[in-house]
N, C-alpha and C. Protein backbone atom coordinates (compact mmCIF):
# COMPACT_ATOMS: atom_id res chain seq x y z
N MET A 1 113.58 126.12 95.66
CA MET A 1 113.02 125.81 96.97
C MET A 1 113.80 124.65 97.57
N ALA A 2 114.30 124.84 98.78
CA ALA A 2 115.11 123.83 99.44
C ALA A 2 114.22 122.74 100.04
N ASP A 3 114.74 121.52 100.03
CA ASP A 3 114.05 120.38 100.61
C ASP A 3 115.04 119.53 101.38
N THR A 4 114.54 118.81 102.35
CA THR A 4 115.37 117.85 103.06
C THR A 4 116.04 116.93 102.04
N GLY A 5 117.34 116.74 102.23
CA GLY A 5 118.10 115.88 101.33
C GLY A 5 118.87 116.63 100.25
N ASP A 6 118.60 117.93 100.09
CA ASP A 6 119.35 118.71 99.11
C ASP A 6 120.82 118.78 99.53
N ILE A 7 121.72 118.85 98.54
CA ILE A 7 123.16 118.94 98.79
C ILE A 7 123.59 120.39 98.55
N TYR A 8 124.40 120.90 99.49
CA TYR A 8 124.91 122.28 99.42
C TYR A 8 126.42 122.27 99.49
N ARG A 9 127.01 123.38 99.02
CA ARG A 9 128.46 123.57 99.08
C ARG A 9 128.71 124.93 99.73
N ILE A 10 129.70 124.98 100.62
CA ILE A 10 130.10 126.23 101.27
C ILE A 10 130.70 127.14 100.20
N THR A 11 130.25 128.42 100.16
CA THR A 11 130.69 129.36 99.12
C THR A 11 131.64 130.44 99.63
N THR A 12 131.90 130.50 100.92
CA THR A 12 132.83 131.50 101.46
C THR A 12 134.01 130.78 102.10
N GLU A 13 135.06 131.55 102.39
CA GLU A 13 136.30 130.96 102.89
C GLU A 13 136.10 130.13 104.16
N LYS A 14 135.35 130.64 105.13
CA LYS A 14 135.09 129.93 106.39
C LYS A 14 133.64 130.16 106.78
N VAL A 15 133.00 129.09 107.27
CA VAL A 15 131.63 129.16 107.77
C VAL A 15 131.57 128.37 109.07
N ASN A 16 130.91 128.96 110.07
CA ASN A 16 130.77 128.27 111.35
C ASN A 16 129.61 127.27 111.30
N LEU A 17 129.89 126.06 111.75
CA LEU A 17 128.84 125.06 111.94
C LEU A 17 128.42 125.22 113.39
N ARG A 18 127.17 125.63 113.59
CA ARG A 18 126.70 125.98 114.93
C ARG A 18 125.80 124.90 115.51
N ALA A 19 125.65 124.94 116.84
CA ALA A 19 124.84 123.96 117.56
C ALA A 19 123.34 124.23 117.40
N GLY A 20 122.96 125.42 116.95
CA GLY A 20 121.55 125.77 116.77
C GLY A 20 121.41 126.80 115.68
N PRO A 21 120.17 127.12 115.30
CA PRO A 21 119.92 128.05 114.20
C PRO A 21 119.96 129.52 114.65
N SER A 22 121.14 129.95 115.10
CA SER A 22 121.29 131.31 115.60
C SER A 22 122.77 131.67 115.65
N ASN A 23 123.06 132.96 115.48
CA ASN A 23 124.45 133.43 115.61
C ASN A 23 124.93 133.33 117.05
N GLU A 24 124.01 133.20 118.00
CA GLU A 24 124.38 133.07 119.40
C GLU A 24 124.66 131.62 119.80
N ALA A 25 124.29 130.66 118.96
CA ALA A 25 124.52 129.24 119.28
C ALA A 25 126.02 128.95 119.24
N SER A 26 126.46 128.02 120.07
CA SER A 26 127.89 127.71 120.14
C SER A 26 128.38 127.15 118.80
N ILE A 27 129.65 127.39 118.53
CA ILE A 27 130.28 126.94 117.29
C ILE A 27 130.83 125.54 117.51
N ARG A 28 130.46 124.62 116.65
CA ARG A 28 130.95 123.23 116.74
C ARG A 28 132.28 123.08 116.01
N THR A 29 132.35 123.68 114.82
CA THR A 29 133.57 123.61 114.03
C THR A 29 133.47 124.66 112.94
N ALA A 30 134.58 124.90 112.26
CA ALA A 30 134.60 125.81 111.12
C ALA A 30 134.68 124.96 109.85
N LEU A 31 133.83 125.30 108.87
CA LEU A 31 133.83 124.62 107.58
C LEU A 31 134.55 125.49 106.57
N GLU A 32 135.09 124.88 105.56
CA GLU A 32 135.85 125.61 104.55
C GLU A 32 135.11 125.64 103.22
N GLU A 33 135.48 126.60 102.39
CA GLU A 33 134.89 126.73 101.06
C GLU A 33 135.02 125.41 100.31
N GLY A 34 133.91 124.99 99.71
CA GLY A 34 133.89 123.75 98.95
C GLY A 34 133.36 122.55 99.73
N ASP A 35 133.35 122.64 101.09
CA ASP A 35 132.79 121.53 101.87
C ASP A 35 131.33 121.31 101.47
N GLU A 36 130.92 120.03 101.37
CA GLU A 36 129.54 119.73 100.98
C GLU A 36 128.74 119.27 102.18
N LEU A 37 127.46 119.64 102.16
CA LEU A 37 126.53 119.39 103.26
C LEU A 37 125.24 118.81 102.69
N ILE A 38 124.55 118.04 103.51
CA ILE A 38 123.22 117.58 103.13
C ILE A 38 122.23 118.20 104.12
N GLU A 39 121.16 118.76 103.59
CA GLU A 39 120.15 119.40 104.44
C GLU A 39 119.33 118.36 105.17
N LEU A 40 119.20 118.55 106.49
CA LEU A 40 118.37 117.68 107.32
C LEU A 40 117.06 118.36 107.69
N GLN A 41 117.12 119.67 107.86
CA GLN A 41 115.94 120.47 108.20
C GLN A 41 116.26 121.93 107.97
N SER A 42 115.27 122.79 108.11
CA SER A 42 115.52 124.22 107.99
C SER A 42 114.66 124.97 108.99
N GLU A 43 115.15 126.14 109.36
CA GLU A 43 114.42 127.01 110.26
C GLU A 43 114.74 128.44 109.86
N GLY A 44 113.78 129.09 109.21
CA GLY A 44 114.03 130.43 108.68
C GLY A 44 115.17 130.36 107.68
N PRO A 45 116.16 131.27 107.81
CA PRO A 45 117.28 131.27 106.87
C PRO A 45 118.36 130.25 107.21
N TRP A 46 118.17 129.48 108.28
CA TRP A 46 119.18 128.53 108.74
C TRP A 46 118.88 127.13 108.22
N LEU A 47 119.96 126.39 107.91
CA LEU A 47 119.84 125.01 107.46
C LEU A 47 120.48 124.09 108.49
N GLY A 48 119.72 123.10 108.93
CA GLY A 48 120.28 122.03 109.75
C GLY A 48 120.90 121.03 108.79
N VAL A 49 122.19 120.76 108.96
CA VAL A 49 122.92 120.00 107.93
C VAL A 49 123.79 118.91 108.56
N ARG A 50 124.23 117.99 107.68
CA ARG A 50 125.26 117.01 108.03
C ARG A 50 126.41 117.24 107.04
N VAL A 51 127.62 117.36 107.57
CA VAL A 51 128.80 117.52 106.72
C VAL A 51 129.09 116.17 106.08
N LEU A 52 129.11 116.13 104.75
CA LEU A 52 129.27 114.86 104.06
C LEU A 52 130.62 114.19 104.36
N SER A 53 131.67 114.94 104.51
CA SER A 53 133.00 114.34 104.71
C SER A 53 133.21 113.81 106.12
N THR A 54 132.52 114.37 107.12
CA THR A 54 132.77 113.95 108.51
C THR A 54 131.55 113.36 109.21
N GLY A 55 130.35 113.64 108.70
CA GLY A 55 129.14 113.18 109.35
C GLY A 55 128.68 114.07 110.49
N GLU A 56 129.45 115.11 110.78
CA GLU A 56 129.08 116.03 111.87
C GLU A 56 127.84 116.81 111.48
N GLU A 57 126.97 117.08 112.47
CA GLU A 57 125.74 117.79 112.22
C GLU A 57 125.72 119.12 112.95
N GLY A 58 125.01 120.06 112.38
CA GLY A 58 124.86 121.38 112.99
C GLY A 58 124.06 122.28 112.07
N TRP A 59 124.21 123.58 112.29
CA TRP A 59 123.44 124.58 111.56
C TRP A 59 124.37 125.56 110.86
N VAL A 60 124.01 125.95 109.63
CA VAL A 60 124.74 126.98 108.90
C VAL A 60 123.73 128.01 108.38
N TYR A 61 124.22 129.23 108.21
CA TYR A 61 123.37 130.27 107.66
C TYR A 61 123.24 130.03 106.15
N GLY A 62 122.00 129.99 105.65
CA GLY A 62 121.71 129.60 104.29
C GLY A 62 122.33 130.45 103.20
N GLU A 63 122.63 131.73 103.49
CA GLU A 63 123.21 132.60 102.45
C GLU A 63 124.70 132.35 102.23
N LEU A 64 125.28 131.45 103.02
CA LEU A 64 126.70 131.15 102.89
C LEU A 64 126.97 129.84 102.14
N VAL A 65 125.90 129.28 101.56
CA VAL A 65 126.01 128.02 100.83
C VAL A 65 125.26 128.15 99.51
N GLU A 66 125.59 127.25 98.57
CA GLU A 66 124.83 127.16 97.32
C GLU A 66 124.37 125.72 97.13
N GLN A 67 123.18 125.59 96.58
CA GLN A 67 122.65 124.26 96.32
C GLN A 67 123.36 123.68 95.10
N VAL A 68 123.82 122.42 95.22
CA VAL A 68 124.50 121.78 94.10
C VAL A 68 123.75 120.56 93.59
N ALA A 69 122.82 120.03 94.39
CA ALA A 69 122.00 118.90 93.95
C ALA A 69 120.67 118.94 94.69
N GLN A 70 119.61 118.65 93.96
CA GLN A 70 118.28 118.67 94.54
C GLN A 70 117.89 117.27 95.00
N SER A 71 117.23 117.23 96.14
CA SER A 71 116.76 115.96 96.70
C SER A 71 115.69 115.34 95.82
N LEU A 72 115.69 114.02 95.79
CA LEU A 72 114.62 113.28 95.12
C LEU A 72 113.66 112.69 96.14
N LEU A 73 113.86 113.00 97.43
CA LEU A 73 113.06 112.39 98.49
C LEU A 73 111.59 112.76 98.41
N ASP A 74 111.26 113.97 98.03
CA ASP A 74 109.87 114.39 98.02
C ASP A 74 109.18 114.15 96.69
N GLU A 75 109.92 113.65 95.69
CA GLU A 75 109.27 113.35 94.43
C GLU A 75 108.38 112.14 94.61
N ALA A 76 107.29 112.13 93.91
CA ALA A 76 106.34 111.03 94.04
C ALA A 76 107.02 109.72 93.65
N MET A 77 106.96 108.78 94.55
CA MET A 77 107.46 107.45 94.26
C MET A 77 106.39 106.71 93.48
N PRO A 78 106.78 105.93 92.50
CA PRO A 78 105.76 105.18 91.80
C PRO A 78 105.06 104.24 92.78
N THR A 79 103.76 104.24 92.70
CA THR A 79 103.00 103.38 93.59
C THR A 79 102.11 102.49 92.76
N GLY A 80 101.80 101.37 93.32
CA GLY A 80 100.95 100.42 92.65
C GLY A 80 99.67 100.20 93.42
N PRO A 81 98.95 99.18 93.06
CA PRO A 81 97.62 98.97 93.63
C PRO A 81 97.61 98.50 95.09
N PHE A 82 98.76 98.08 95.63
CA PHE A 82 98.79 97.56 96.99
C PHE A 82 99.32 98.56 98.01
N VAL A 83 99.63 99.78 97.58
CA VAL A 83 100.30 100.74 98.46
C VAL A 83 99.51 101.03 99.73
N GLU A 84 98.19 101.07 99.65
CA GLU A 84 97.39 101.35 100.84
C GLU A 84 97.36 100.18 101.82
N LEU A 85 97.62 98.98 101.34
CA LEU A 85 97.59 97.80 102.20
C LEU A 85 98.95 97.48 102.78
N SER A 86 99.99 97.60 101.94
CA SER A 86 101.35 97.30 102.38
C SER A 86 102.34 97.94 101.41
N GLY A 87 103.03 98.97 101.89
CA GLY A 87 104.02 99.63 101.05
C GLY A 87 105.12 98.68 100.61
N ASP A 88 105.58 97.81 101.53
CA ASP A 88 106.63 96.85 101.18
C ASP A 88 106.15 95.89 100.11
N PHE A 89 104.94 95.37 100.26
CA PHE A 89 104.40 94.43 99.27
C PHE A 89 104.23 95.14 97.92
N ASP A 90 103.78 96.39 97.97
CA ASP A 90 103.60 97.17 96.74
C ASP A 90 104.94 97.34 96.02
N ARG A 91 106.00 97.65 96.77
CA ARG A 91 107.33 97.78 96.16
C ARG A 91 107.79 96.45 95.57
N LEU A 92 107.50 95.35 96.25
CA LEU A 92 107.86 94.03 95.74
C LEU A 92 107.14 93.75 94.42
N ILE A 93 105.84 94.02 94.37
CA ILE A 93 105.07 93.80 93.14
C ILE A 93 105.58 94.71 92.03
N ASN A 94 105.93 95.96 92.35
CA ASN A 94 106.50 96.85 91.34
C ASN A 94 107.81 96.29 90.80
N SER A 95 108.59 95.67 91.66
CA SER A 95 109.85 95.05 91.22
C SER A 95 109.57 93.89 90.27
N VAL A 96 108.57 93.07 90.61
CA VAL A 96 108.18 91.96 89.73
C VAL A 96 107.69 92.52 88.39
N ASN A 97 106.87 93.57 88.45
CA ASN A 97 106.38 94.20 87.22
C ASN A 97 107.53 94.63 86.33
N ASN A 98 108.56 95.21 86.93
CA ASN A 98 109.73 95.65 86.15
C ASN A 98 110.43 94.47 85.50
N GLN A 99 110.52 93.35 86.22
CA GLN A 99 111.15 92.15 85.66
C GLN A 99 110.33 91.59 84.49
N LEU A 100 109.00 91.61 84.65
CA LEU A 100 108.12 91.07 83.62
C LEU A 100 108.03 91.98 82.40
N GLY A 101 108.12 93.27 82.62
CA GLY A 101 107.95 94.23 81.54
C GLY A 101 106.51 94.68 81.36
N TYR A 102 105.65 94.28 82.26
CA TYR A 102 104.25 94.71 82.27
C TYR A 102 103.72 94.56 83.69
N ASN A 103 102.60 95.23 83.98
CA ASN A 103 102.00 95.14 85.30
C ASN A 103 101.20 93.86 85.45
N MET A 104 101.24 93.31 86.64
CA MET A 104 100.45 92.11 86.95
C MET A 104 99.01 92.47 87.29
N VAL A 105 98.83 93.53 88.07
CA VAL A 105 97.53 93.84 88.65
C VAL A 105 97.04 95.19 88.18
N ASP A 106 95.78 95.20 87.76
CA ASP A 106 95.14 96.43 87.33
C ASP A 106 94.45 97.14 88.49
N GLN A 107 93.78 96.37 89.35
CA GLN A 107 92.97 97.00 90.40
C GLN A 107 92.87 96.09 91.62
N VAL A 108 92.84 96.71 92.80
CA VAL A 108 92.65 96.01 94.06
C VAL A 108 91.49 96.70 94.77
N GLN A 109 90.49 95.91 95.17
CA GLN A 109 89.32 96.48 95.84
C GLN A 109 88.99 95.70 97.09
N LYS A 110 88.74 96.43 98.17
CA LYS A 110 88.25 95.82 99.41
C LYS A 110 86.74 95.67 99.26
N ARG A 111 86.26 94.49 99.56
CA ARG A 111 84.83 94.18 99.50
C ARG A 111 84.35 93.83 100.91
N GLU A 112 83.05 93.58 101.04
CA GLU A 112 82.51 93.20 102.34
C GLU A 112 83.01 91.82 102.74
N ASN A 113 82.85 91.49 104.02
CA ASN A 113 83.27 90.20 104.58
C ASN A 113 84.78 89.96 104.47
N ASN A 114 85.56 91.01 104.67
CA ASN A 114 87.03 90.89 104.61
C ASN A 114 87.51 90.26 103.31
N THR A 115 86.85 90.63 102.21
CA THR A 115 87.21 90.10 100.90
C THR A 115 88.05 91.12 100.15
N LEU A 116 89.13 90.66 99.57
CA LEU A 116 89.96 91.48 98.70
C LEU A 116 89.82 90.95 97.29
N GLN A 117 89.40 91.81 96.38
CA GLN A 117 89.25 91.42 94.98
C GLN A 117 90.40 92.00 94.17
N ILE A 118 91.09 91.13 93.46
CA ILE A 118 92.22 91.51 92.62
C ILE A 118 91.80 91.36 91.16
N THR A 119 91.97 92.44 90.40
CA THR A 119 91.72 92.38 88.96
C THR A 119 93.08 92.43 88.26
N PRO A 120 93.52 91.31 87.70
CA PRO A 120 94.81 91.29 87.01
C PRO A 120 94.73 92.06 85.68
N THR A 121 95.89 92.39 85.16
CA THR A 121 95.92 92.99 83.82
C THR A 121 95.71 91.88 82.79
N ARG A 122 95.26 92.27 81.64
CA ARG A 122 95.05 91.31 80.56
C ARG A 122 96.37 90.62 80.19
N GLU A 123 97.48 91.40 80.19
CA GLU A 123 98.79 90.84 79.86
C GLU A 123 99.17 89.71 80.82
N TRP A 124 98.96 89.95 82.10
CA TRP A 124 99.36 88.93 83.07
C TRP A 124 98.47 87.70 82.96
N LEU A 125 97.18 87.90 82.69
CA LEU A 125 96.30 86.74 82.48
C LEU A 125 96.77 85.92 81.27
N LEU A 126 97.19 86.60 80.21
CA LEU A 126 97.62 85.90 79.01
C LEU A 126 99.00 85.27 79.13
N TYR A 127 99.95 86.00 79.72
CA TYR A 127 101.34 85.57 79.70
C TYR A 127 101.85 84.99 81.01
N GLY A 128 101.10 85.18 82.09
CA GLY A 128 101.58 84.76 83.41
C GLY A 128 101.60 83.26 83.62
N GLY A 129 100.64 82.58 83.06
CA GLY A 129 100.56 81.13 83.27
C GLY A 129 99.86 80.78 84.56
N ARG A 130 99.20 79.64 84.56
CA ARG A 130 98.40 79.22 85.70
C ARG A 130 99.23 79.10 86.98
N GLU A 131 100.44 78.54 86.91
CA GLU A 131 101.27 78.39 88.10
C GLU A 131 101.63 79.74 88.70
N ALA A 132 101.98 80.69 87.85
CA ALA A 132 102.30 82.04 88.33
C ALA A 132 101.08 82.68 88.97
N HIS A 133 99.91 82.47 88.38
CA HIS A 133 98.67 83.02 88.94
C HIS A 133 98.39 82.43 90.33
N LEU A 134 98.58 81.11 90.46
CA LEU A 134 98.36 80.46 91.75
C LEU A 134 99.33 80.97 92.82
N MET A 135 100.60 81.05 92.46
CA MET A 135 101.60 81.52 93.42
C MET A 135 101.34 82.96 93.83
N ALA A 136 100.98 83.79 92.88
CA ALA A 136 100.67 85.19 93.20
C ALA A 136 99.42 85.27 94.08
N ALA A 137 98.40 84.45 93.78
CA ALA A 137 97.18 84.47 94.59
C ALA A 137 97.51 84.11 96.04
N VAL A 138 98.38 83.15 96.25
CA VAL A 138 98.79 82.78 97.61
C VAL A 138 99.50 83.96 98.28
N ALA A 139 100.38 84.64 97.55
CA ALA A 139 101.07 85.81 98.11
C ALA A 139 100.08 86.93 98.42
N PHE A 140 99.13 87.18 97.52
CA PHE A 140 98.10 88.21 97.76
C PHE A 140 97.30 87.86 99.01
N TYR A 141 96.92 86.59 99.12
CA TYR A 141 96.15 86.12 100.28
C TYR A 141 96.94 86.36 101.58
N GLN A 142 98.20 85.98 101.58
CA GLN A 142 99.01 86.12 102.80
C GLN A 142 99.19 87.58 103.18
N MET A 143 99.43 88.44 102.18
CA MET A 143 99.56 89.87 102.46
C MET A 143 98.26 90.40 103.06
N TRP A 144 97.12 90.01 102.48
CA TRP A 144 95.80 90.46 102.95
C TRP A 144 95.53 89.94 104.37
N LYS A 145 95.87 88.70 104.61
CA LYS A 145 95.70 88.09 105.94
C LYS A 145 96.53 88.86 106.97
N ASN A 146 97.77 89.18 106.64
CA ASN A 146 98.61 89.96 107.55
C ASN A 146 98.04 91.34 107.78
N HIS A 147 97.55 91.96 106.71
CA HIS A 147 96.97 93.29 106.82
C HIS A 147 95.76 93.30 107.74
N GLN A 148 95.01 92.21 107.74
CA GLN A 148 93.79 92.10 108.56
C GLN A 148 94.09 91.48 109.92
N ASP A 149 95.35 91.55 110.35
CA ASP A 149 95.76 91.04 111.67
C ASP A 149 95.38 89.59 111.89
N ARG A 150 95.58 88.77 110.85
CA ARG A 150 95.39 87.33 110.91
C ARG A 150 93.93 86.91 111.10
N GLN A 151 93.00 87.84 110.92
CA GLN A 151 91.58 87.51 110.98
C GLN A 151 91.20 86.72 109.72
N PRO A 152 90.06 85.99 109.77
CA PRO A 152 89.62 85.28 108.56
C PRO A 152 89.40 86.26 107.40
N VAL A 153 89.92 85.87 106.23
CA VAL A 153 89.81 86.73 105.04
C VAL A 153 89.42 85.89 103.84
N ASN A 154 89.06 86.60 102.78
CA ASN A 154 88.76 85.98 101.50
C ASN A 154 89.52 86.75 100.42
N LEU A 155 90.00 86.02 99.44
CA LEU A 155 90.67 86.65 98.31
C LEU A 155 90.03 86.13 97.04
N VAL A 156 89.75 87.05 96.12
CA VAL A 156 89.18 86.66 94.83
C VAL A 156 90.02 87.30 93.74
N LEU A 157 90.57 86.48 92.86
CA LEU A 157 91.26 86.93 91.67
C LEU A 157 90.27 86.73 90.53
N VAL A 158 89.91 87.82 89.85
CA VAL A 158 88.91 87.72 88.79
C VAL A 158 89.59 87.72 87.42
N ASP A 159 88.88 87.17 86.42
CA ASP A 159 89.42 87.18 85.06
C ASP A 159 89.01 88.47 84.37
N ASP A 160 89.31 88.59 83.08
CA ASP A 160 89.02 89.84 82.39
C ASP A 160 87.53 90.02 82.08
N GLN A 161 86.71 89.05 82.47
CA GLN A 161 85.25 89.18 82.37
C GLN A 161 84.64 89.46 83.75
N ASN A 162 85.51 89.73 84.74
CA ASN A 162 85.12 89.99 86.12
C ASN A 162 84.47 88.77 86.78
N GLU A 163 84.80 87.58 86.28
CA GLU A 163 84.32 86.32 86.87
C GLU A 163 85.41 85.77 87.78
N ASN A 164 85.01 85.10 88.85
CA ASN A 164 85.98 84.50 89.76
C ASN A 164 86.86 83.51 89.01
N TYR A 165 88.16 83.67 89.19
CA TYR A 165 89.15 82.81 88.57
C TYR A 165 89.80 81.96 89.67
N ILE A 166 90.42 82.62 90.64
CA ILE A 166 91.03 81.94 91.79
C ILE A 166 90.46 82.56 93.05
N SER A 167 89.99 81.74 93.96
CA SER A 167 89.47 82.21 95.24
C SER A 167 90.16 81.46 96.36
N ILE A 168 90.49 82.17 97.41
CA ILE A 168 90.99 81.56 98.64
C ILE A 168 90.13 82.11 99.77
N ASN A 169 89.42 81.21 100.44
CA ASN A 169 88.50 81.61 101.49
C ASN A 169 88.87 80.90 102.78
N ASP A 170 88.98 81.67 103.86
CA ASP A 170 89.25 81.07 105.16
C ASP A 170 88.02 80.32 105.63
N ALA A 171 88.23 79.07 106.04
CA ALA A 171 87.17 78.24 106.60
C ALA A 171 87.68 77.69 107.93
N GLU A 172 86.82 77.04 108.67
CA GLU A 172 87.24 76.49 109.96
C GLU A 172 88.41 75.53 109.81
N ALA A 173 88.43 74.78 108.74
CA ALA A 173 89.51 73.80 108.52
C ALA A 173 90.77 74.44 107.94
N GLY A 174 90.72 75.75 107.63
CA GLY A 174 91.87 76.44 107.05
C GLY A 174 91.49 77.03 105.70
N PRO A 175 92.45 77.59 104.99
CA PRO A 175 92.15 78.22 103.70
C PRO A 175 91.69 77.20 102.66
N MET A 176 90.67 77.55 101.92
CA MET A 176 90.13 76.69 100.87
C MET A 176 90.39 77.37 99.52
N LEU A 177 90.99 76.62 98.61
CA LEU A 177 91.35 77.13 97.29
C LEU A 177 90.32 76.67 96.26
N SER A 178 89.91 77.59 95.40
CA SER A 178 89.00 77.26 94.31
C SER A 178 89.54 77.88 93.03
N ILE A 179 89.59 77.06 91.96
CA ILE A 179 90.13 77.55 90.68
C ILE A 179 89.12 77.28 89.58
N GLN A 180 88.83 78.31 88.80
CA GLN A 180 88.00 78.17 87.60
C GLN A 180 88.89 78.49 86.41
N GLU A 181 88.60 77.96 85.28
CA GLU A 181 89.35 78.33 84.08
C GLU A 181 88.98 79.75 83.71
N PRO A 182 89.97 80.61 83.48
CA PRO A 182 89.64 82.00 83.12
C PRO A 182 89.01 82.06 81.74
N ARG A 183 88.02 82.92 81.63
CA ARG A 183 87.39 83.15 80.33
C ARG A 183 88.04 84.37 79.73
N GLN A 184 88.41 84.29 78.48
CA GLN A 184 89.03 85.43 77.79
C GLN A 184 88.37 85.60 76.44
N GLU A 185 88.14 86.85 76.11
CA GLU A 185 87.57 87.15 74.80
C GLU A 185 88.64 87.41 73.79
């Protein structure tokens, strides 16, 4: 099954690159056997393509090419707990997770009163250190604040007993930070 991003190779001596998905569409150029194309779209048996060597775009009849590489664009991208709030932030946290060798966050939940509750993983609570937890809480807070269009928000980082560990609450005077020692069994 063809997908956008698949790579094709011309399999016949000459193939017309057309302006549209039809034999009646004007010819833009002639492609030669072995030329490689990337699929941009499809319509019936026609492929909308870009010629890899020149960047020129047009349409070729699908039976005149063979697929040589499958696109990875439609494969599920790994997602983390922040993907619904901010795809960019989620990718950043996934990058940090890869550097650490374990995940930082187990669960993210929206609560009432514009509160975001973060449940860290046990590994991050044990190995992250208090400074790392504080810095991450500030980043989580800022991402949540941006997501809520700069409205007043609350952030709660809970320990592995589901007790408040770090809280940041918007108040009239600005964000207020509260830290409790995490309880661990």
